[in-house]
N, C-alpha and C. Protein backbone atom coordinates (compact mmCIF):
# COMPACT_ATOMS: atom_id res chain seq x y z
N MET A 1 -16.02 31.53 16.07
CA MET A 1 -15.52 30.29 16.15
C MET A 1 -16.51 28.65 15.63
N THR A 2 -15.63 28.23 15.17
CA THR A 2 -15.94 26.95 14.45
C THR A 2 -15.91 25.76 15.28
N VAL A 3 -16.77 25.10 15.79
CA VAL A 3 -16.53 23.93 16.19
C VAL A 3 -16.93 22.42 15.54
N ALA A 4 -16.18 21.36 15.64
CA ALA A 4 -16.44 19.87 14.78
C ALA A 4 -17.87 19.51 15.64
N THR A 5 -18.65 19.23 14.33
CA THR A 5 -19.75 18.55 14.68
C THR A 5 -19.95 17.09 14.57
N ALA A 6 -19.16 16.45 13.88
CA ALA A 6 -18.94 15.15 13.09
C ALA A 6 -17.35 14.48 13.53
N PHE A 7 -17.03 13.65 13.66
CA PHE A 7 -15.72 13.29 14.02
C PHE A 7 -15.20 11.73 13.39
N SER A 8 -14.10 11.93 12.99
CA SER A 8 -13.21 10.51 12.53
C SER A 8 -13.56 9.21 13.34
N THR A 9 -13.60 8.26 13.32
CA THR A 9 -13.31 7.03 14.27
C THR A 9 -12.38 7.34 15.06
N GLN A 10 -11.08 8.16 14.97
CA GLN A 10 -10.11 8.05 16.33
C GLN A 10 -10.63 9.25 17.03
N MET A 11 -10.87 10.29 16.35
CA MET A 11 -11.30 11.37 16.93
C MET A 11 -12.36 11.02 18.05
N THR A 12 -13.51 10.35 17.64
CA THR A 12 -14.54 9.78 18.46
C THR A 12 -14.10 9.19 19.54
N GLN A 13 -13.41 8.41 19.51
CA GLN A 13 -12.72 7.59 20.57
C GLN A 13 -11.83 8.32 21.69
N LEU A 14 -11.15 9.50 20.95
CA LEU A 14 -10.29 10.41 21.91
C LEU A 14 -11.39 11.27 22.45
N THR A 15 -12.28 11.97 21.82
CA THR A 15 -13.25 12.89 22.57
C THR A 15 -14.19 12.37 23.60
N GLY A 16 -14.57 10.92 23.21
CA GLY A 16 -15.22 10.05 24.37
C GLY A 16 -14.80 9.97 25.82
N ASN A 17 -13.49 10.55 25.73
CA ASN A 17 -12.75 10.15 27.14
C ASN A 17 -12.98 11.25 27.99
N ALA A 18 -14.13 11.28 28.44
CA ALA A 18 -14.85 12.22 29.70
C ALA A 18 -15.24 11.45 30.55
N GLY A 19 -15.65 12.25 31.84
CA GLY A 19 -16.28 11.69 33.04
C GLY A 19 -15.11 10.71 33.83
N GLY A 20 -14.03 10.74 33.69
CA GLY A 20 -12.83 10.06 34.52
C GLY A 20 -12.57 8.59 34.45
N ALA A 21 -13.71 8.18 33.41
CA ALA A 21 -13.51 6.56 32.97
C ALA A 21 -11.78 6.50 32.32
N ILE A 22 -11.50 5.31 32.40
CA ILE A 22 -10.28 4.87 31.66
C ILE A 22 -10.36 5.17 30.55
N GLN A 23 -9.03 6.10 30.00
CA GLN A 23 -9.19 6.61 28.44
C GLN A 23 -8.99 5.70 27.67
N GLN A 24 -9.79 5.57 26.53
CA GLN A 24 -9.62 4.64 25.46
C GLN A 24 -8.93 5.30 24.34
N LEU A 25 -7.51 4.98 23.97
CA LEU A 25 -6.82 5.67 23.15
C LEU A 25 -6.70 4.65 21.61
N PRO A 26 -6.41 5.31 20.69
CA PRO A 26 -6.58 4.51 19.22
C PRO A 26 -5.22 3.88 19.31
N ASN A 27 -5.06 2.69 18.48
CA ASN A 27 -3.83 2.01 18.60
C ASN A 27 -2.71 3.18 18.01
N SER A 28 -1.42 2.73 18.27
CA SER A 28 -0.44 3.30 17.62
C SER A 28 -0.16 3.21 16.15
N ASN A 29 -0.84 1.89 15.89
CA ASN A 29 -0.66 1.78 14.06
C ASN A 29 -1.65 2.89 13.51
N VAL A 30 -2.31 3.46 14.10
CA VAL A 30 -3.48 4.52 13.39
C VAL A 30 -3.22 6.03 13.85
N VAL A 31 -2.69 6.14 15.19
CA VAL A 31 -2.37 7.81 15.81
C VAL A 31 -0.88 7.61 16.39
N ALA A 32 -0.15 8.23 15.94
CA ALA A 32 1.26 8.45 16.45
C ALA A 32 2.03 7.38 16.56
N GLY A 33 1.93 6.54 15.33
CA GLY A 33 3.07 5.35 15.34
C GLY A 33 3.95 5.64 14.68
N ARG A 34 5.28 4.83 14.45
CA ARG A 34 6.31 5.52 13.78
C ARG A 34 6.41 4.76 12.26
N GLU A 35 6.62 5.88 11.54
CA GLU A 35 6.37 5.77 9.92
C GLU A 35 7.76 5.07 9.56
N ARG A 36 7.29 4.22 8.78
CA ARG A 36 8.62 3.22 7.83
C ARG A 36 8.23 3.29 6.34
N CYS A 37 9.31 2.67 5.87
CA CYS A 37 9.24 2.65 4.30
C CYS A 37 9.70 1.37 3.72
N PHE A 38 8.99 0.78 2.88
CA PHE A 38 9.85 -0.23 1.97
C PHE A 38 9.95 0.44 0.88
N ILE A 39 11.13 0.23 0.18
CA ILE A 39 11.50 0.76 -1.26
C ILE A 39 11.60 -0.33 -2.17
N ALA A 40 10.74 -0.69 -3.38
CA ALA A 40 11.23 -1.73 -4.02
C ALA A 40 11.71 -1.03 -5.66
N ASN A 41 12.59 -1.90 -5.95
CA ASN A 41 13.12 -1.25 -7.29
C ASN A 41 12.95 -2.39 -8.35
N ILE A 42 12.17 -2.03 -9.51
CA ILE A 42 12.18 -3.48 -10.62
C ILE A 42 12.96 -2.71 -11.83
N ALA A 43 13.64 -3.39 -12.32
CA ALA A 43 14.48 -3.30 -13.74
C ALA A 43 13.33 -3.60 -14.75
N LEU A 44 13.32 -2.81 -15.30
CA LEU A 44 12.03 -3.37 -16.60
C LEU A 44 13.06 -3.84 -17.54
N ALA A 45 12.55 -5.30 -18.17
CA ALA A 45 13.02 -6.01 -19.13
C ALA A 45 12.29 -6.61 -20.05
N THR A 46 11.02 -6.20 -20.70
CA THR A 46 10.10 -6.58 -21.35
C THR A 46 9.72 -7.82 -20.57
N GLN A 47 9.34 -7.56 -19.34
CA GLN A 47 8.36 -8.98 -18.70
C GLN A 47 7.14 -8.74 -19.42
N ALA A 48 6.45 -10.23 -19.68
CA ALA A 48 5.05 -10.52 -20.17
C ALA A 48 4.32 -10.12 -19.41
N ILE A 49 3.13 -9.82 -20.05
CA ILE A 49 1.59 -9.77 -19.46
C ILE A 49 1.61 -10.70 -18.65
N GLY A 50 0.89 -10.52 -16.99
CA GLY A 50 0.60 -11.58 -15.79
C GLY A 50 1.85 -11.76 -15.39
N THR A 51 2.96 -11.00 -15.68
CA THR A 51 4.22 -11.41 -14.69
C THR A 51 3.81 -10.62 -13.56
N VAL A 52 4.22 -11.58 -12.32
CA VAL A 52 4.08 -11.03 -10.96
C VAL A 52 5.04 -11.02 -10.11
N PHE A 53 5.55 -9.79 -9.45
CA PHE A 53 6.58 -9.27 -8.75
C PHE A 53 6.42 -9.34 -7.55
N GLY A 54 6.72 -10.20 -6.39
CA GLY A 54 6.80 -9.48 -5.36
C GLY A 54 7.74 -8.40 -4.66
N VAL A 55 6.89 -7.43 -4.13
CA VAL A 55 7.31 -6.20 -4.27
C VAL A 55 7.23 -5.60 -2.80
N ALA A 56 7.11 -6.22 -1.77
CA ALA A 56 7.14 -5.53 -0.24
C ALA A 56 6.56 -6.58 0.75
N ARG A 57 7.21 -6.47 1.83
CA ARG A 57 6.76 -7.37 3.09
C ARG A 57 6.54 -6.29 4.06
N ILE A 58 5.22 -6.20 4.54
CA ILE A 58 4.64 -5.47 5.70
C ILE A 58 4.23 -6.11 6.97
N GLY A 59 4.92 -6.40 8.10
CA GLY A 59 4.25 -6.99 9.25
C GLY A 59 2.78 -6.62 9.17
N LEU A 60 2.24 -7.74 9.73
CA LEU A 60 0.60 -7.76 10.29
C LEU A 60 0.16 -6.39 11.03
N LEU A 61 -0.61 -5.99 10.98
CA LEU A 61 -1.28 -4.79 11.82
C LEU A 61 -0.67 -3.45 11.37
N GLY A 62 0.26 -3.36 10.02
CA GLY A 62 0.97 -2.63 9.66
C GLY A 62 -0.37 -1.71 8.70
N VAL A 63 -0.09 -0.58 8.96
CA VAL A 63 -1.08 0.52 8.00
C VAL A 63 -0.26 1.10 7.18
N ILE A 64 -0.80 1.12 6.03
CA ILE A 64 -0.16 1.96 4.42
C ILE A 64 -0.79 3.28 4.94
N THR A 65 0.17 4.22 4.82
CA THR A 65 -0.19 5.63 4.62
C THR A 65 0.10 6.11 3.47
N GLY A 66 1.16 5.51 2.40
CA GLY A 66 0.86 6.01 1.22
C GLY A 66 1.99 5.20 0.05
N ILE A 67 1.58 4.97 -1.34
CA ILE A 67 2.30 4.31 -2.06
C ILE A 67 2.75 5.32 -3.09
N THR A 68 3.99 5.37 -3.67
CA THR A 68 4.54 6.27 -4.52
C THR A 68 5.03 5.51 -5.65
N LEU A 69 4.49 5.58 -6.82
CA LEU A 69 5.38 5.04 -7.97
C LEU A 69 5.90 6.15 -8.70
N ILE A 70 7.31 5.63 -9.18
CA ILE A 70 8.11 6.51 -9.90
C ILE A 70 9.14 5.65 -11.10
N THR A 71 9.03 5.97 -12.21
CA THR A 71 9.43 5.25 -13.33
C THR A 71 10.14 6.36 -13.91
N ASP A 72 11.30 5.85 -14.79
CA ASP A 72 12.05 6.59 -15.83
C ASP A 72 11.67 6.56 -17.07
N THR A 73 10.76 5.18 -17.19
CA THR A 73 10.51 5.17 -18.86
C THR A 73 8.72 5.04 -18.70
N SER A 74 8.15 5.38 -19.67
CA SER A 74 6.64 5.21 -19.64
C SER A 74 6.14 3.72 -19.81
N LEU A 75 5.29 3.35 -18.95
CA LEU A 75 5.32 1.75 -19.07
C LEU A 75 4.35 1.91 -20.25
N GLY A 76 3.68 2.70 -21.17
CA GLY A 76 2.98 2.60 -22.45
C GLY A 76 1.49 2.14 -22.16
N SER A 77 1.25 1.32 -22.92
CA SER A 77 -0.07 0.45 -22.50
C SER A 77 -0.22 -0.41 -21.30
N ALA A 78 0.92 -0.82 -20.69
CA ALA A 78 0.75 -2.01 -19.86
C ALA A 78 0.51 -1.23 -18.55
N THR A 79 -0.51 -2.39 -17.79
CA THR A 79 -0.93 -1.75 -16.65
C THR A 79 -0.67 -2.51 -15.47
N ILE A 80 -0.24 -1.77 -14.40
CA ILE A 80 0.19 -2.54 -13.14
C ILE A 80 -1.13 -2.54 -12.12
N ALA A 81 -0.90 -3.36 -11.24
CA ALA A 81 -1.67 -3.25 -10.13
C ALA A 81 -1.20 -3.72 -8.84
N LEU A 82 -1.45 -3.33 -7.71
CA LEU A 82 -0.76 -4.03 -6.51
C LEU A 82 -1.93 -4.47 -5.61
N GLY A 83 -1.71 -5.82 -5.34
CA GLY A 83 -2.25 -6.31 -4.31
C GLY A 83 -1.38 -7.48 -3.32
N ASP A 84 -2.38 -8.64 -3.63
CA ASP A 84 -1.44 -9.63 -2.73
C ASP A 84 -1.95 -11.09 -3.16
N ALA A 85 -1.59 -12.24 -3.07
CA ALA A 85 -1.71 -13.70 -3.47
C ALA A 85 -3.28 -13.94 -3.26
N ASN A 86 -3.99 -13.32 -2.44
CA ASN A 86 -5.33 -13.63 -2.64
C ASN A 86 -6.21 -12.67 -3.17
N SER A 87 -5.66 -11.34 -3.49
CA SER A 87 -6.61 -10.51 -4.28
C SER A 87 -5.88 -9.25 -5.05
N SER A 88 -5.31 -9.61 -6.51
CA SER A 88 -4.43 -8.97 -7.20
C SER A 88 -4.36 -7.20 -7.08
N ALA A 89 -5.51 -6.84 -6.56
CA ALA A 89 -5.72 -5.25 -6.91
C ALA A 89 -6.05 -4.68 -5.47
N ILE A 90 -6.01 -5.32 -4.20
CA ILE A 90 -6.46 -4.64 -3.17
C ILE A 90 -5.62 -3.39 -2.63
N TYR A 91 -4.30 -3.01 -3.33
CA TYR A 91 -3.61 -1.87 -2.83
C TYR A 91 -3.88 -0.77 -3.85
N MET A 92 -3.98 -1.41 -5.11
CA MET A 92 -4.05 -0.62 -6.23
C MET A 92 -4.73 -1.06 -7.50
N ALA A 93 -5.51 -0.43 -7.96
CA ALA A 93 -6.39 -1.24 -9.29
C ALA A 93 -5.48 -1.09 -10.30
N ALA A 94 -5.79 -1.66 -11.30
CA ALA A 94 -5.04 -1.83 -12.36
C ALA A 94 -5.01 -0.43 -12.89
N SER A 95 -3.75 -0.05 -13.49
CA SER A 95 -3.51 1.29 -14.06
C SER A 95 -2.53 1.64 -14.87
N VAL A 96 -2.37 2.45 -16.03
CA VAL A 96 -1.41 2.67 -16.63
C VAL A 96 -0.35 4.06 -15.92
N LEU A 97 1.04 3.88 -16.28
CA LEU A 97 1.62 4.86 -15.61
C LEU A 97 2.97 5.50 -16.64
N THR A 98 2.49 6.42 -17.02
CA THR A 98 3.52 6.93 -18.11
C THR A 98 3.84 7.93 -18.06
N ALA A 99 3.75 8.69 -16.81
CA ALA A 99 4.50 10.20 -16.48
C ALA A 99 5.86 9.63 -15.77
N THR A 100 7.10 9.94 -16.38
CA THR A 100 8.47 9.88 -16.15
C THR A 100 8.82 10.62 -15.26
N ASN A 101 9.54 10.25 -14.29
CA ASN A 101 10.49 10.80 -13.33
C ASN A 101 9.39 11.67 -12.66
N THR A 102 8.32 11.21 -12.08
CA THR A 102 7.30 12.16 -11.96
C THR A 102 6.62 11.46 -10.41
N PRO A 103 6.79 11.67 -9.30
CA PRO A 103 6.38 10.73 -8.27
C PRO A 103 4.77 10.74 -8.60
N THR A 104 4.11 9.44 -8.28
CA THR A 104 2.83 9.24 -8.28
C THR A 104 2.22 8.54 -7.32
N ARG A 105 1.41 9.34 -6.35
CA ARG A 105 0.77 8.47 -5.41
C ARG A 105 -0.34 8.00 -6.10
N VAL A 106 -0.41 6.60 -5.40
CA VAL A 106 -1.66 5.94 -6.15
C VAL A 106 -2.07 5.02 -4.63
N GLY A 107 -3.11 4.22 -4.53
CA GLY A 107 -3.82 3.67 -3.59
C GLY A 107 -5.28 3.73 -3.63
N LEU A 108 -6.03 2.67 -2.78
CA LEU A 108 -7.35 2.64 -2.72
C LEU A 108 -7.67 3.13 -1.44
N ALA A 109 -8.66 4.18 -0.92
CA ALA A 109 -8.99 4.33 0.27
C ALA A 109 -9.58 3.05 1.36
N SER A 110 -9.95 2.01 0.66
CA SER A 110 -10.26 1.03 1.57
C SER A 110 -9.19 0.10 2.05
N THR A 111 -7.88 0.64 1.95
CA THR A 111 -6.92 -0.54 2.26
C THR A 111 -5.94 0.87 2.96
N HIS A 112 -5.94 2.06 2.28
CA HIS A 112 -4.97 2.73 2.97
C HIS A 112 -5.55 3.34 4.13
N GLY A 113 -4.83 3.49 5.54
CA GLY A 113 -5.24 4.21 6.74
C GLY A 113 -5.99 2.84 7.55
N ALA A 114 -5.93 1.51 6.87
CA ALA A 114 -6.75 0.43 7.68
C ALA A 114 -5.69 -0.71 8.01
N PRO A 115 -5.50 -1.08 9.23
CA PRO A 115 -4.59 -2.04 9.78
C PRO A 115 -4.70 -3.48 8.86
N ILE A 116 -3.50 -3.87 8.28
CA ILE A 116 -3.49 -5.12 7.52
C ILE A 116 -3.32 -6.34 8.54
N ALA A 117 -4.71 -7.15 8.60
CA ALA A 117 -5.25 -7.87 9.53
C ALA A 117 -5.00 -9.53 8.99
N THR A 118 -4.86 -9.44 7.66
CA THR A 118 -4.67 -11.08 7.04
C THR A 118 -3.62 -11.02 5.93
N GLY A 119 -2.72 -11.67 6.26
CA GLY A 119 -1.33 -11.72 5.20
C GLY A 119 -1.17 -13.16 4.59
N TYR A 120 -0.52 -12.98 3.32
CA TYR A 120 -0.67 -13.56 2.41
C TYR A 120 1.38 -13.61 2.09
N ASP A 121 1.61 -14.71 1.71
CA ASP A 121 2.94 -15.41 1.41
C ASP A 121 2.89 -15.04 -0.15
N CYS A 122 3.91 -14.49 -0.92
CA CYS A 122 3.96 -14.27 -2.30
C CYS A 122 4.66 -15.49 -3.07
N VAL A 123 5.28 -16.35 -2.21
CA VAL A 123 5.87 -17.43 -2.88
C VAL A 123 4.91 -18.58 -2.85
N SER A 124 4.41 -18.76 -1.61
CA SER A 124 3.58 -19.91 -1.60
C SER A 124 1.85 -19.44 -1.71
N GLY A 125 1.45 -18.68 -1.65
CA GLY A 125 0.15 -18.09 -1.47
C GLY A 125 -0.50 -18.64 -0.60
N LEU A 126 0.03 -18.79 0.59
CA LEU A 126 -0.51 -19.39 1.49
C LEU A 126 -0.93 -17.81 2.64
N VAL A 127 -1.85 -18.26 3.66
CA VAL A 127 -1.72 -17.13 4.81
C VAL A 127 -0.61 -17.35 5.69
N SER A 128 -0.72 -15.88 5.79
CA SER A 128 0.98 -15.54 6.76
C SER A 128 0.52 -15.24 8.17
N LYS A 129 1.12 -15.74 9.03
CA LYS A 129 0.59 -15.02 10.63
C LYS A 129 1.49 -14.01 10.92
N SER A 130 1.98 -13.77 10.01
CA SER A 130 3.43 -12.51 10.67
C SER A 130 3.38 -11.41 9.62
N TYR A 131 2.96 -11.17 8.42
CA TYR A 131 3.31 -10.63 7.57
C TYR A 131 2.30 -10.43 6.03
N GLU A 132 2.30 -9.45 5.30
CA GLU A 132 1.63 -9.42 4.47
C GLU A 132 2.75 -8.99 3.51
N ASP A 133 2.66 -10.18 2.04
CA ASP A 133 3.30 -9.71 1.02
C ASP A 133 2.65 -9.26 -0.24
N ILE A 134 3.28 -7.89 -0.82
CA ILE A 134 2.61 -7.13 -1.77
C ILE A 134 3.37 -7.53 -2.97
N ILE A 135 2.40 -8.03 -3.98
CA ILE A 135 2.74 -8.19 -5.31
C ILE A 135 2.18 -7.21 -6.28
N LEU A 136 3.03 -6.99 -7.39
CA LEU A 136 2.35 -6.08 -8.45
C LEU A 136 2.19 -6.95 -9.66
N THR A 137 1.25 -6.73 -10.31
CA THR A 137 0.66 -7.89 -11.64
C THR A 137 0.86 -6.67 -12.85
N THR A 138 1.41 -7.13 -13.90
CA THR A 138 1.19 -6.38 -15.06
C THR A 138 -0.06 -7.26 -15.92
N ALA A 139 -0.83 -6.20 -16.63
CA ALA A 139 -1.64 -6.72 -17.78
C ALA A 139 -1.43 -5.80 -18.81
N VAL A 140 -2.13 -6.31 -19.90
CA VAL A 140 -2.53 -5.41 -20.83
C VAL A 140 -1.40 -5.73 -22.18
N ALA A 141 -0.29 -5.25 -21.83
CA ALA A 141 1.17 -5.28 -22.89
C ALA A 141 2.09 -5.51 -22.08
N ALA A 142 2.92 -6.15 -22.48
CA ALA A 142 4.50 -6.33 -21.78
C ALA A 142 5.12 -5.12 -21.27
N LEU A 143 5.92 -5.19 -20.27
CA LEU A 143 6.68 -4.01 -20.02
C LEU A 143 7.80 -3.37 -20.86
N PRO A 144 8.16 -2.23 -20.85
CA PRO A 144 9.33 -1.64 -21.53
C PRO A 144 10.18 -2.55 -21.63
N ALA A 145 11.07 -2.46 -22.50
CA ALA A 145 12.28 -3.26 -22.71
C ALA A 145 13.64 -2.73 -21.79
N SER A 146 13.57 -1.73 -21.43
CA SER A 146 14.74 -0.98 -20.51
C SER A 146 13.80 0.11 -19.46
N GLY A 147 14.38 -0.09 -18.26
CA GLY A 147 13.94 1.28 -17.75
C GLY A 147 13.99 1.04 -16.01
N ASN A 148 13.42 1.87 -15.33
CA ASN A 148 13.49 1.26 -13.70
C ASN A 148 12.43 1.83 -13.44
N LEU A 149 11.38 1.07 -12.40
CA LEU A 149 10.44 1.43 -11.75
C LEU A 149 10.40 1.29 -10.26
N ALA A 150 10.15 2.32 -9.61
CA ALA A 150 10.60 2.32 -8.12
C ALA A 150 9.11 2.57 -7.29
N ILE A 151 9.07 1.44 -6.02
CA ILE A 151 7.86 1.93 -5.67
C ILE A 151 8.19 1.91 -4.16
N ILE A 152 7.35 2.98 -3.58
CA ILE A 152 7.87 3.20 -2.10
C ILE A 152 6.54 3.06 -1.24
N PHE A 153 6.49 2.05 -0.27
CA PHE A 153 5.49 1.90 0.24
C PHE A 153 5.68 2.68 1.89
N GLU A 154 4.58 3.70 2.33
CA GLU A 154 4.99 4.19 3.73
C GLU A 154 4.08 3.40 4.46
N TYR A 155 4.44 3.08 5.60
CA TYR A 155 3.32 2.44 6.39
C TYR A 155 3.66 2.70 7.85
N VAL A 156 2.97 2.66 9.03
CA VAL A 156 3.09 2.60 10.26
C VAL A 156 2.63 1.36 10.96
N ILE A 157 3.83 0.71 11.65
CA ILE A 157 3.12 -0.25 12.73
C ILE A 157 3.06 -0.43 13.85
N ASP A 158 4.18 0.65 14.59
CA ASP A 158 4.24 0.57 15.71
C ASP A 158 3.98 2.11 16.62
């Protein structure tokens, strides 16, 4: 028999529920919450270096559980990053995407699985008290003249 000798933050909370005290349960945004998706589609049309797309809006305290990119056209040497108006690459560092018609999972460990506590509006750049707008920023080269890029954001919020 093999038993656990170390625990994740959430399992520590659950396994600490001993001795008849009031149970402490992890928030539903990290355990047993309902998963939702926000799907963004971008028509590629030679957008210039430095173009910033608003691509998703997620309610505060939402927890990103996955980001998938799918393109039908290689982005060549153009890089894309996912972030917000405060930090352009907090969800995905600048990367190239050359695999076509192949779902590609991306993201950073620091923001996957962590509740979004502060949000920024992608139009004004100001702090939002109810949502986080995620942006995609291009760099290095212009995007291709044609094609499609889909971004699927999976998140738990309740």
